[in-house]
Amino acid sequence: MDEMIGAYLERRAVGEPHPVLDFLFTYYSLKPGHLRRWHPGHGSVLTGPGIEDYRGRSGYVDVAVGGRPGVTVSSEFLDRRSSAIEFVSTLIGRTATRPAQLGCFGLHEWAMVYRGGDEALRHDVPLRLGHDGTDAVVESMPLRCTHYDAFRFFTPDAVPRNALELTPEHRLLTEQPGCLHASMDLYKWVAKLGPLLPSELLLDCFALSMTARELDMRASPYDLTAYGYSPVRVETPTGRAEYVRAQSAIAERGAALRVAIGGLLAGLR
């Protein structure tokens, strides 16, 4: 973790973006320093010299345990986060009840550049198949995106090609466990709840998010060989089968994390 964070900070300092790895630090709002700060979760009390690092931090209050000073996450902070807890609980609970859909083949990244020309490119790297080849792939298969935060970046020409026209309200209606971005977002939802949840869970979600991001971009239309990533050629039957195998493994890890998150949130409600 420290190696990854350090590499990101070094790249940022010299203005060298990474099209795959930076996403977890730029799209998601959790600062790198927050990943390095350990939290035991609500209901635990920290004692000893290390508590000075927590005094005054958001969510923490001073307490005494057996006459010894300590810090813990306050009930007031828990109350302030009640609506977020309710939303995340509902979202992951509904997502978990739905079957994993494994037929999208990661085409959301292709839809984000479809017929958009150079202006639609989201990264300073070339397209593997060029613009015409990329457009042809989108036109050869249906778009089945269920994740609003991917759909909202579709080009205007790609929007009507999707099976669903998604809105923010669709998060609770269409999110399903096969979606790579639904698995990536577990990191976001745990991070939003800050010190209420243990850092071990946050790091597990971060690791899954990284795995999903790598597949997401390997299956994208971008040529990332210069960064050490071999393509998952979803324009071919072999590539689609490879994508589905990796997607299924990520979905299984996401399902286990939803159970863990849901159990902890149930104890906070």
C-alpha atoms as a PDB file:
ATOM      1  CA  MET A   1       0.000   0.000   0.000  1.00  0.00           C
ATOM      2  CA  ASP A   2       2.739   2.464   0.941  1.00  0.00           C
ATOM      3  CA  GLU A   3       4.557   1.648  -2.293  1.00  0.00           C
ATOM      4  CA  MET A   4       1.452   2.366  -4.372  1.00  0.00           C
ATOM      5  CA  ILE A   5       0.620   5.574  -2.519  1.00  0.00           C
ATOM      6  CA  GLY A   6       4.215   6.741  -2.708  1.00  0.00           C
ATOM      7  CA  ALA A   7       4.355   6.106  -6.452  1.00  0.00           C
ATOM      8  CA  TYR A   8       1.139   8.070  -6.960  1.00  0.00           C
ATOM      9  CA  LEU A   9       2.415  11.029  -4.952  1.00  0.00           C
ATOM     10  CA  GLU A  10       5.683  11.024  -6.904  1.00  0.00           C
ATOM     11  CA  ARG A  11       3.822  11.018 -10.231  1.00  0.00           C
ATOM     12  CA  ARG A  12       1.517  13.771  -9.055  1.00  0.00           C
ATOM     13  CA  ALA A  13       4.460  15.916  -7.969  1.00  0.00           C
ATOM     14  CA  VAL A  14       5.950  15.848 -11.468  1.00  0.00           C
ATOM     15  CA  GLY A  15       2.647  15.926 -13.365  1.00  0.00           C
ATOM     16  CA  GLU A  16       2.820  12.399 -14.808  1.00  0.00           C
ATOM     17  CA  PRO A  17      -0.661  10.822 -14.759  1.00  0.00           C
ATOM     18  CA  HIS A  18      -1.176   7.060 -14.879  1.00  0.00           C
ATOM     19  CA  PRO A  19      -4.269   6.010 -16.874  1.00  0.00           C
ATOM     20  CA  VAL A  20      -5.006   2.996 -14.671  1.00  0.00           C
ATOM     21  CA  LEU A  21      -3.766   3.521 -11.127  1.00  0.00           C
ATOM     22  CA  ASP A  22      -4.549   7.202 -10.566  1.00  0.00           C
ATOM     23  CA  PHE A  23      -8.287   6.559 -10.867  1.00  0.00           C
ATOM     24  CA  LEU A  24      -8.511   5.271  -7.301  1.00  0.00           C
ATOM     25  CA  PHE A  25      -7.053   8.516  -5.979  1.00  0.00           C
ATOM     26  CA  THR A  26      -8.673  11.026  -8.342  1.00  0.00           C
ATOM     27  CA  TYR A  27     -12.164   9.695  -9.115  1.00  0.00           C
ATOM     28  CA  TYR A  28     -12.657   8.629  -5.511  1.00  0.00           C
ATOM     29  CA  SER A  29     -12.179  11.445  -3.042  1.00  0.00           C
ATOM     30  CA  LEU A  30     -10.263   9.662  -0.267  1.00  0.00           C
ATOM     31  CA  LYS A  31      -6.862  11.276   0.134  1.00  0.00           C
ATOM     32  CA  PRO A  32      -3.802   8.995   0.134  1.00  0.00           C
ATOM     33  CA  GLY A  33      -2.971  10.024   3.694  1.00  0.00           C
ATOM     34  CA  HIS A  34      -6.335   8.741   4.892  1.00  0.00           C
ATOM     35  CA  LEU A  35      -5.506   5.268   3.610  1.00  0.00           C
ATOM     36  CA  ARG A  36      -2.407   5.266   5.778  1.00  0.00           C
ATOM     37  CA  ARG A  37      -4.324   6.199   8.946  1.00  0.00           C
ATOM     38  CA  TRP A  38      -5.630   3.156  10.781  1.00  0.00           C
ATOM     39  CA  HIS A  39      -9.088   3.148  12.391  1.00  0.00           C
ATOM     40  CA  PRO A  40     -10.378   0.329  14.603  1.00  0.00           C
ATOM     41  CA  GLY A  41     -14.038   1.108  13.916  1.00  0.00           C
ATOM     42  CA  HIS A  42     -16.938   2.297  16.030  1.00  0.00           C
ATOM     43  CA  GLY A  43     -17.154   0.782  19.507  1.00  0.00           C
ATOM     44  CA  SER A  44     -13.413   0.373  19.999  1.00  0.00           C
ATOM     45  CA  VAL A  45     -11.342   2.502  22.366  1.00  0.00           C
ATOM     46  CA  LEU A  46      -7.733   3.379  21.648  1.00  0.00           C
ATOM     47  CA  THR A  47      -5.346   3.932  24.551  1.00  0.00           C
ATOM     48  CA  GLY A  48      -1.643   4.508  24.876  1.00  0.00           C
ATOM     49  CA  PRO A  49       0.763   7.067  23.411  1.00  0.00           C
ATOM     50  CA  GLY A  50      -0.661   6.734  19.907  1.00  0.00           C
ATOM     51  CA  ILE A  51      -3.943   8.393  20.844  1.00  0.00           C
ATOM     52  CA  GLU A  52      -2.369  11.808  20.290  1.00  0.00           C
ATOM     53  CA  ASP A  53      -2.612  11.139  16.551  1.00  0.00           C
ATOM     54  CA  TYR A  54      -6.400  10.812  16.876  1.00  0.00           C
ATOM     55  CA  ARG A  55      -7.249  13.640  19.221  1.00  0.00           C
ATOM     56  CA  GLY A  56      -9.058  16.390  17.381  1.00  0.00           C
ATOM     57  CA  ARG A  57      -9.652  14.273  14.292  1.00  0.00           C
ATOM     58  CA  SER A  58     -13.138  14.131  12.839  1.00  0.00           C
ATOM     59  CA  GLY A  59     -15.354  11.687  14.683  1.00  0.00           C
ATOM     60  CA  TYR A  60     -13.146  11.083  17.716  1.00  0.00           C
ATOM     61  CA  VAL A  61     -13.732  12.101  21.335  1.00  0.00           C
ATOM     62  CA  ASP A  62     -11.733  11.635  24.521  1.00  0.00           C
ATOM     63  CA  VAL A  63     -12.873   8.955  26.962  1.00  0.00           C
ATOM     64  CA  ALA A  64     -11.428   7.222  30.010  1.00  0.00           C
ATOM     65  CA  VAL A  65     -11.060   3.461  30.418  1.00  0.00           C
ATOM     66  CA  GLY A  66     -10.153   2.229  33.876  1.00  0.00           C
ATOM     67  CA  GLY A  67      -8.739   5.614  34.684  1.00  0.00           C
ATOM     68  CA  ARG A  68      -6.609   5.645  31.541  1.00  0.00           C
ATOM     69  CA  PRO A  69      -7.159   8.248  28.805  1.00  0.00           C
ATOM     70  CA  GLY A  70      -8.374   7.033  25.449  1.00  0.00           C
ATOM     71  CA  VAL A  71     -10.207   8.029  22.288  1.00  0.00           C
ATOM     72  CA  THR A  72     -13.170   6.515  20.502  1.00  0.00           C
ATOM     73  CA  VAL A  73     -15.561   7.355  17.679  1.00  0.00           C
ATOM     74  CA  SER A  74     -18.347   9.436  19.174  1.00  0.00           C
ATOM     75  CA  SER A  75     -22.042   8.632  19.187  1.00  0.00           C
ATOM     76  CA  GLU A  76     -22.633  12.132  17.788  1.00  0.00           C
ATOM     77  CA  PHE A  77     -20.531  11.269  14.726  1.00  0.00           C
ATOM     78  CA  LEU A  78     -22.498   8.053  14.314  1.00  0.00           C
ATOM     79  CA  ASP A  79     -25.749  10.015  14.438  1.00  0.00           C
ATOM     80  CA  ARG A  80     -24.491  12.487  11.829  1.00  0.00           C
ATOM     81  CA  ARG A  81     -23.685   9.639   9.457  1.00  0.00           C
ATOM     82  CA  SER A  82     -26.998   7.836   9.943  1.00  0.00           C
ATOM     83  CA  SER A  83     -28.397   8.773   6.527  1.00  0.00           C
ATOM     84  CA  ALA A  84     -25.205   7.597   4.801  1.00  0.00           C
ATOM     85  CA  ILE A  85     -25.321   4.346   6.755  1.00  0.00           C
ATOM     86  CA  GLU A  86     -28.931   3.834   5.712  1.00  0.00           C
ATOM     87  CA  PHE A  87     -28.187   4.521   2.034  1.00  0.00           C
ATOM     88  CA  VAL A  88     -25.131   2.269   1.856  1.00  0.00           C
ATOM     89  CA  SER A  89     -26.948  -0.512   3.719  1.00  0.00           C
ATOM     90  CA  THR A  90     -29.864  -0.315   1.312  1.00  0.00           C
ATOM     91  CA  LEU A  91     -27.671  -0.138  -1.779  1.00  0.00           C
ATOM     92  CA  ILE A  92     -25.431  -3.082  -0.985  1.00  0.00           C
ATOM     93  CA  GLY A  93     -28.365  -5.083   0.355  1.00  0.00           C
ATOM     94  CA  ARG A  94     -30.381  -4.653  -2.831  1.00  0.00           C
ATOM     95  CA  THR A  95     -27.334  -5.259  -5.003  1.00  0.00           C
ATOM     96  CA  ALA A  96     -26.624  -8.521  -3.207  1.00  0.00           C
ATOM     97  CA  THR A  97     -30.122  -9.868  -3.908  1.00  0.00           C
ATOM     98  CA  ARG A  98     -29.752  -9.558  -7.677  1.00  0.00           C
ATOM     99  CA  PRO A  99     -28.071 -12.075  -9.969  1.00  0.00           C
ATOM    100  CA  ALA A 100     -24.723 -11.084 -11.416  1.00  0.00           C
ATOM    101  CA  GLN A 101     -25.071  -9.975 -15.030  1.00  0.00           C
ATOM    102  CA  LEU A 102     -21.994 -11.023 -16.967  1.00  0.00           C
ATOM    103  CA  GLY A 103     -22.870  -9.964 -20.505  1.00  0.00           C
ATOM    104  CA  CYS A 104     -21.694  -6.361 -20.666  1.00  0.00           C
ATOM    105  CA  PHE A 105     -18.074  -7.267 -21.574  1.00  0.00           C
ATOM    106  CA  GLY A 106     -16.799  -3.947 -20.250  1.00  0.00           C
ATOM    107  CA  LEU A 107     -18.137  -2.003 -23.213  1.00  0.00           C
ATOM    108  CA  HIS A 108     -18.874   1.056 -21.077  1.00  0.00           C
ATOM    109  CA  GLU A 109     -15.334   2.321 -21.710  1.00  0.00           C
ATOM    110  CA  TRP A 110     -15.902   1.907 -25.432  1.00  0.00           C
ATOM    111  CA  ALA A 111     -19.226   3.747 -25.202  1.00  0.00           C
ATOM    112  CA  MET A 112     -17.442   6.700 -23.598  1.00  0.00           C
ATOM    113  CA  VAL A 113     -15.488   7.327 -26.813  1.00  0.00           C
ATOM    114  CA  TYR A 114     -18.011   6.085 -29.399  1.00  0.00           C
ATOM    115  CA  ARG A 115     -18.137   8.493 -32.355  1.00  0.00           C
ATOM    116  CA  GLY A 116     -16.614  11.144 -30.138  1.00  0.00           C
ATOM    117  CA  GLY A 117     -13.329  11.735 -31.938  1.00  0.00           C
ATOM    118  CA  ASP A 118     -10.197  12.788 -30.091  1.00  0.00           C
ATOM    119  CA  GLU A 119     -12.236  15.075 -27.821  1.00  0.00           C
ATOM    120  CA  ALA A 120     -13.887  12.054 -26.209  1.00  0.00           C
ATOM    121  CA  LEU A 121     -10.633  10.360 -25.211  1.00  0.00           C
ATOM    122  CA  ARG A 122     -10.324  10.212 -21.446  1.00  0.00           C
ATOM    123  CA  HIS A 123      -6.645   9.294 -21.359  1.00  0.00           C
ATOM    124  CA  ASP A 124      -3.558  10.426 -23.220  1.00  0.00           C
ATOM    125  CA  VAL A 125      -2.988   7.006 -24.779  1.00  0.00           C
ATOM    126  CA  PRO A 126      -3.935   5.679 -28.236  1.00  0.00           C
ATOM    127  CA  LEU A 127      -6.902   3.510 -29.089  1.00  0.00           C
ATOM    128  CA  ARG A 128      -5.951  -0.076 -29.929  1.00  0.00           C
ATOM    129  CA  LEU A 129      -8.245  -0.210 -32.952  1.00  0.00           C
ATOM    130  CA  GLY A 130      -8.387   3.474 -33.815  1.00  0.00           C
ATOM    131  CA  HIS A 131     -11.619   5.461 -33.857  1.00  0.00           C
ATOM    132  CA  ASP A 132     -13.290   3.549 -36.687  1.00  0.00           C
ATOM    133  CA  GLY A 133     -12.404   0.162 -35.237  1.00  0.00           C
ATOM    134  CA  THR A 134     -13.617   1.211 -31.797  1.00  0.00           C
ATOM    135  CA  ASP A 135     -16.926   2.434 -33.200  1.00  0.00           C
ATOM    136  CA  ALA A 136     -17.355  -0.828 -35.107  1.00  0.00           C
ATOM    137  CA  VAL A 137     -16.986  -2.848 -31.893  1.00  0.00           C
ATOM    138  CA  VAL A 138     -19.692  -0.797 -30.157  1.00  0.00           C
ATOM    139  CA  GLU A 139     -21.981  -1.293 -33.152  1.00  0.00           C
ATOM    140  CA  SER A 140     -21.366  -5.048 -33.203  1.00  0.00           C
ATOM    141  CA  MET A 141     -22.772  -5.778 -29.735  1.00  0.00           C
ATOM    142  CA  PRO A 142     -25.531  -4.478 -27.470  1.00  0.00           C
ATOM    143  CA  LEU A 143     -24.660  -2.132 -24.608  1.00  0.00           C
ATOM    144  CA  ARG A 144     -25.956  -3.491 -21.292  1.00  0.00           C
ATOM    145  CA  CYS A 145     -24.559  -1.058 -18.726  1.00  0.00           C
ATOM    146  CA  THR A 146     -26.407  -1.001 -15.379  1.00  0.00           C
ATOM    147  CA  HIS A 147     -24.156   1.486 -13.563  1.00  0.00           C
ATOM    148  CA  TYR A 148     -25.221   5.121 -13.728  1.00  0.00           C
ATOM    149  CA  ASP A 149     -21.792   6.542 -12.923  1.00  0.00           C
ATOM    150  CA  ALA A 150     -20.410   4.821 -16.026  1.00  0.00           C
ATOM    151  CA  PHE A 151     -23.434   5.533 -18.205  1.00  0.00           C
ATOM    152  CA  ARG A 152     -23.309   9.265 -17.504  1.00  0.00           C
ATOM    153  CA  PHE A 153     -19.991   9.468 -19.369  1.00  0.00           C
ATOM    154  CA  PHE A 154     -21.320   7.823 -22.545  1.00  0.00           C
ATOM    155  CA  THR A 155     -21.071   9.942 -25.670  1.00  0.00           C
ATOM    156  CA  PRO A 156     -24.408  11.276 -26.955  1.00  0.00           C
ATOM    157  CA  ASP A 157     -24.392   8.719 -29.776  1.00  0.00           C
ATOM    158  CA  ALA A 158     -23.822   5.861 -27.335  1.00  0.00           C
ATOM    159  CA  VAL A 159     -26.610   6.754 -24.893  1.00  0.00           C
ATOM    160  CA  PRO A 160     -29.537   5.451 -26.993  1.00  0.00           C
ATOM    161  CA  ARG A 161     -27.653   2.235 -27.726  1.00  0.00           C
ATOM    162  CA  ASN A 162     -27.753   1.193 -24.049  1.00  0.00           C
ATOM    163  CA  ALA A 163     -30.465  -1.211 -22.949  1.00  0.00           C
ATOM    164  CA  LEU A 164     -31.391   1.180 -20.115  1.00  0.00           C
ATOM    165  CA  GLU A 165     -31.438   4.957 -19.898  1.00  0.00           C
ATOM    166  CA  LEU A 166     -30.043   5.404 -16.415  1.00  0.00           C
ATOM    167  CA  THR A 167     -30.496   8.237 -13.913  1.00  0.00           C
ATOM    168  CA  PRO A 168     -29.033   8.764 -10.414  1.00  0.00           C
ATOM    169  CA  GLU A 169     -32.155   7.157  -8.975  1.00  0.00           C
ATOM    170  CA  HIS A 170     -31.292   3.934 -10.804  1.00  0.00           C
ATOM    171  CA  ARG A 171     -28.457   3.199  -8.368  1.00  0.00           C
ATOM    172  CA  LEU A 172     -30.926   1.487  -6.039  1.00  0.00           C
ATOM    173  CA  LEU A 173     -32.889  -0.063  -8.902  1.00  0.00           C
ATOM    174  CA  THR A 174     -30.283  -1.507 -11.264  1.00  0.00           C
ATOM    175  CA  GLU A 175     -26.984  -1.953  -9.411  1.00  0.00           C
ATOM    176  CA  GLN A 176     -25.966  -5.606  -9.682  1.00  0.00           C
ATOM    177  CA  PRO A 177     -23.009  -7.607  -8.370  1.00  0.00           C
ATOM    178  CA  GLY A 178     -21.493  -8.490 -11.738  1.00  0.00           C
ATOM    179  CA  CYS A 179     -20.691  -4.851 -12.487  1.00  0.00           C
ATOM    180  CA  LEU A 180     -17.001  -4.006 -12.093  1.00  0.00           C
ATOM    181  CA  HIS A 181     -17.826  -0.490 -10.984  1.00  0.00           C
ATOM    182  CA  ALA A 182     -20.258  -1.749  -8.346  1.00  0.00           C
ATOM    183  CA  SER A 183     -17.366  -3.754  -6.904  1.00  0.00           C
ATOM    184  CA  MET A 184     -15.001  -0.779  -7.193  1.00  0.00           C
ATOM    185  CA  ASP A 185     -17.504   1.440  -5.415  1.00  0.00           C
ATOM    186  CA  LEU A 186     -17.433  -0.700  -2.277  1.00  0.00           C
ATOM    187  CA  TYR A 187     -14.194   1.129  -1.542  1.00  0.00           C
ATOM    188  CA  LYS A 188     -15.970   4.449  -1.992  1.00  0.00           C
ATOM    189  CA  TRP A 189     -18.864   3.582   0.303  1.00  0.00           C
ATOM    190  CA  VAL A 190     -16.634   2.264   3.086  1.00  0.00           C
ATOM    191  CA  ALA A 191     -14.389   5.320   2.769  1.00  0.00           C
ATOM    192  CA  LYS A 192     -17.378   7.656   3.067  1.00  0.00           C
ATOM    193  CA  LEU A 193     -18.182   6.196   6.475  1.00  0.00           C
ATOM    194  CA  GLY A 194     -14.692   7.048   7.684  1.00  0.00           C
ATOM    195  CA  PRO A 195     -13.692   5.883  11.174  1.00  0.00           C
ATOM    196  CA  LEU A 196     -16.982   4.073  11.777  1.00  0.00           C
ATOM    197  CA  LEU A 197     -15.614   1.016   9.957  1.00  0.00           C
ATOM    198  CA  PRO A 198     -12.267  -0.731  10.528  1.00  0.00           C
ATOM    199  CA  SER A 199      -9.406   0.076   8.199  1.00  0.00           C
ATOM    200  CA  GLU A 200      -8.846  -3.600   7.423  1.00  0.00           C
ATOM    201  CA  LEU A 201     -12.185  -3.578   5.608  1.00  0.00           C
ATOM    202  CA  LEU A 202     -11.284  -0.397   3.739  1.00  0.00           C
ATOM    203  CA  LEU A 203      -8.003  -1.922   2.551  1.00  0.00           C
ATOM    204  CA  ASP A 204      -9.763  -5.107   1.424  1.00  0.00           C
ATOM    205  CA  CYS A 205     -12.163  -2.975  -0.606  1.00  0.00           C
ATOM    206  CA  PHE A 206      -9.274  -0.937  -1.998  1.00  0.00           C
ATOM    207  CA  ALA A 207      -7.512  -4.120  -3.131  1.00  0.00           C
ATOM    208  CA  LEU A 208     -10.656  -5.325  -4.896  1.00  0.00           C
ATOM    209  CA  SER A 209     -11.137  -1.919  -6.468  1.00  0.00           C
ATOM    210  CA  MET A 210      -7.602  -2.045  -7.859  1.00  0.00           C
ATOM    211  CA  THR A 211      -8.154  -5.513  -9.326  1.00  0.00           C
ATOM    212  CA  ALA A 212     -11.413  -4.383 -10.912  1.00  0.00           C
ATOM    213  CA  ARG A 213      -9.827  -1.205 -12.265  1.00  0.00           C
ATOM    214  CA  GLU A 214      -7.052  -3.156 -13.950  1.00  0.00           C
ATOM    215  CA  LEU A 215      -9.556  -5.444 -15.692  1.00  0.00           C
ATOM    216  CA  ASP A 216     -11.712  -2.437 -16.542  1.00  0.00           C
ATOM    217  CA  MET A 217      -8.860  -0.775 -18.397  1.00  0.00           C
ATOM    218  CA  ARG A 218      -7.344  -3.906 -19.921  1.00  0.00           C
ATOM    219  CA  ALA A 219     -10.744  -4.522 -21.524  1.00  0.00           C
ATOM    220  CA  SER A 220     -11.053  -0.898 -22.624  1.00  0.00           C
ATOM    221  CA  PRO A 221     -10.339   0.397 -26.145  1.00  0.00           C
ATOM    222  CA  TYR A 222      -7.075   1.977 -24.989  1.00  0.00           C
ATOM    223  CA  ASP A 223      -3.638   0.554 -25.806  1.00  0.00           C
ATOM    224  CA  LEU A 224      -1.944   0.265 -22.413  1.00  0.00           C
ATOM    225  CA  THR A 225       0.953  -1.981 -23.388  1.00  0.00           C
ATOM    226  CA  ALA A 226       3.378   0.876 -22.690  1.00  0.00           C
ATOM    227  CA  TYR A 227       2.222   0.691 -19.052  1.00  0.00           C
ATOM    228  CA  GLY A 228       2.657  -3.073 -18.843  1.00  0.00           C
ATOM    229  CA  TYR A 229      -0.989  -4.104 -19.325  1.00  0.00           C
ATOM    230  CA  SER A 230      -1.913  -6.711 -21.913  1.00  0.00           C
ATOM    231  CA  PRO A 231      -5.327  -6.161 -23.523  1.00  0.00           C
ATOM    232  CA  VAL A 232      -8.400  -8.266 -22.883  1.00  0.00           C
ATOM    233  CA  ARG A 233      -9.696  -8.248 -26.446  1.00  0.00           C
ATOM    234  CA  VAL A 234     -13.434  -8.157 -25.808  1.00  0.00           C
ATOM    235  CA  GLU A 235     -13.995  -7.677 -29.536  1.00  0.00           C
ATOM    236  CA  THR A 236     -13.199 -11.413 -29.891  1.00  0.00           C
ATOM    237  CA  PRO A 237     -14.968 -14.484 -28.451  1.00  0.00           C
ATOM    238  CA  THR A 238     -11.774 -15.521 -26.652  1.00  0.00           C
ATOM    239  CA  GLY A 239     -11.392 -12.086 -25.100  1.00  0.00           C
ATOM    240  CA  ARG A 240     -15.004 -11.997 -23.975  1.00  0.00           C
ATOM    241  CA  ALA A 241     -14.619 -15.379 -22.290  1.00  0.00           C
ATOM    242  CA  GLU A 242     -11.464 -14.146 -20.546  1.00  0.00           C
ATOM    243  CA  TYR A 243     -13.319 -11.045 -19.377  1.00  0.00           C
ATOM    244  CA  VAL A 244     -16.250 -13.021 -17.978  1.00  0.00           C
ATOM    245  CA  ARG A 245     -13.941 -15.346 -16.022  1.00  0.00           C
ATOM    246  CA  ALA A 246     -12.156 -12.420 -14.402  1.00  0.00           C
ATOM    247  CA  GLN A 247     -15.428 -10.544 -13.902  1.00  0.00           C
ATOM    248  CA  SER A 248     -16.935 -13.563 -12.114  1.00  0.00           C
ATOM    249  CA  ALA A 249     -13.973 -13.809  -9.735  1.00  0.00           C
ATOM    250  CA  ILE A 250     -14.270 -10.116  -8.884  1.00  0.00           C
ATOM    251  CA  ALA A 251     -18.017 -10.503  -8.325  1.00  0.00           C
ATOM    252  CA  GLU A 252     -17.368 -13.328  -5.844  1.00  0.00           C
ATOM    253  CA  ARG A 253     -14.932 -11.188  -3.873  1.00  0.00           C
ATOM    254  CA  GLY A 254     -17.401  -8.308  -3.955  1.00  0.00           C
ATOM    255  CA  ALA A 255     -20.178 -10.543  -2.625  1.00  0.00           C
ATOM    256  CA  ALA A 256     -18.075 -11.520   0.386  1.00  0.00           C
ATOM    257  CA  LEU A 257     -17.246  -7.888   1.100  1.00  0.00           C
ATOM    258  CA  ARG A 258     -20.917  -6.894   0.887  1.00  0.00           C
ATOM    259  CA  VAL A 259     -21.683  -9.476   3.556  1.00  0.00           C
ATOM    260  CA  ALA A 260     -18.929  -8.074   5.767  1.00  0.00           C
ATOM    261  CA  ILE A 261     -19.980  -4.461   5.221  1.00  0.00           C
ATOM    262  CA  GLY A 262     -23.645  -5.258   5.735  1.00  0.00           C
ATOM    263  CA  GLY A 263     -22.955  -7.033   9.007  1.00  0.00           C
ATOM    264  CA  LEU A 264     -20.982  -4.122  10.404  1.00  0.00           C
ATOM    265  CA  LEU A 265     -23.538  -1.562   9.270  1.00  0.00           C
ATOM    266  CA  ALA A 266     -26.348  -3.567  10.854  1.00  0.00           C
ATOM    267  CA  GLY A 267     -24.550  -3.145  14.160  1.00  0.00           C
ATOM    268  CA  LEU A 268     -24.460   0.626  13.673  1.00  0.00           C
ATOM    269  CA  ARG A 269     -28.138   1.136  12.841  1.00  0.00           C
END
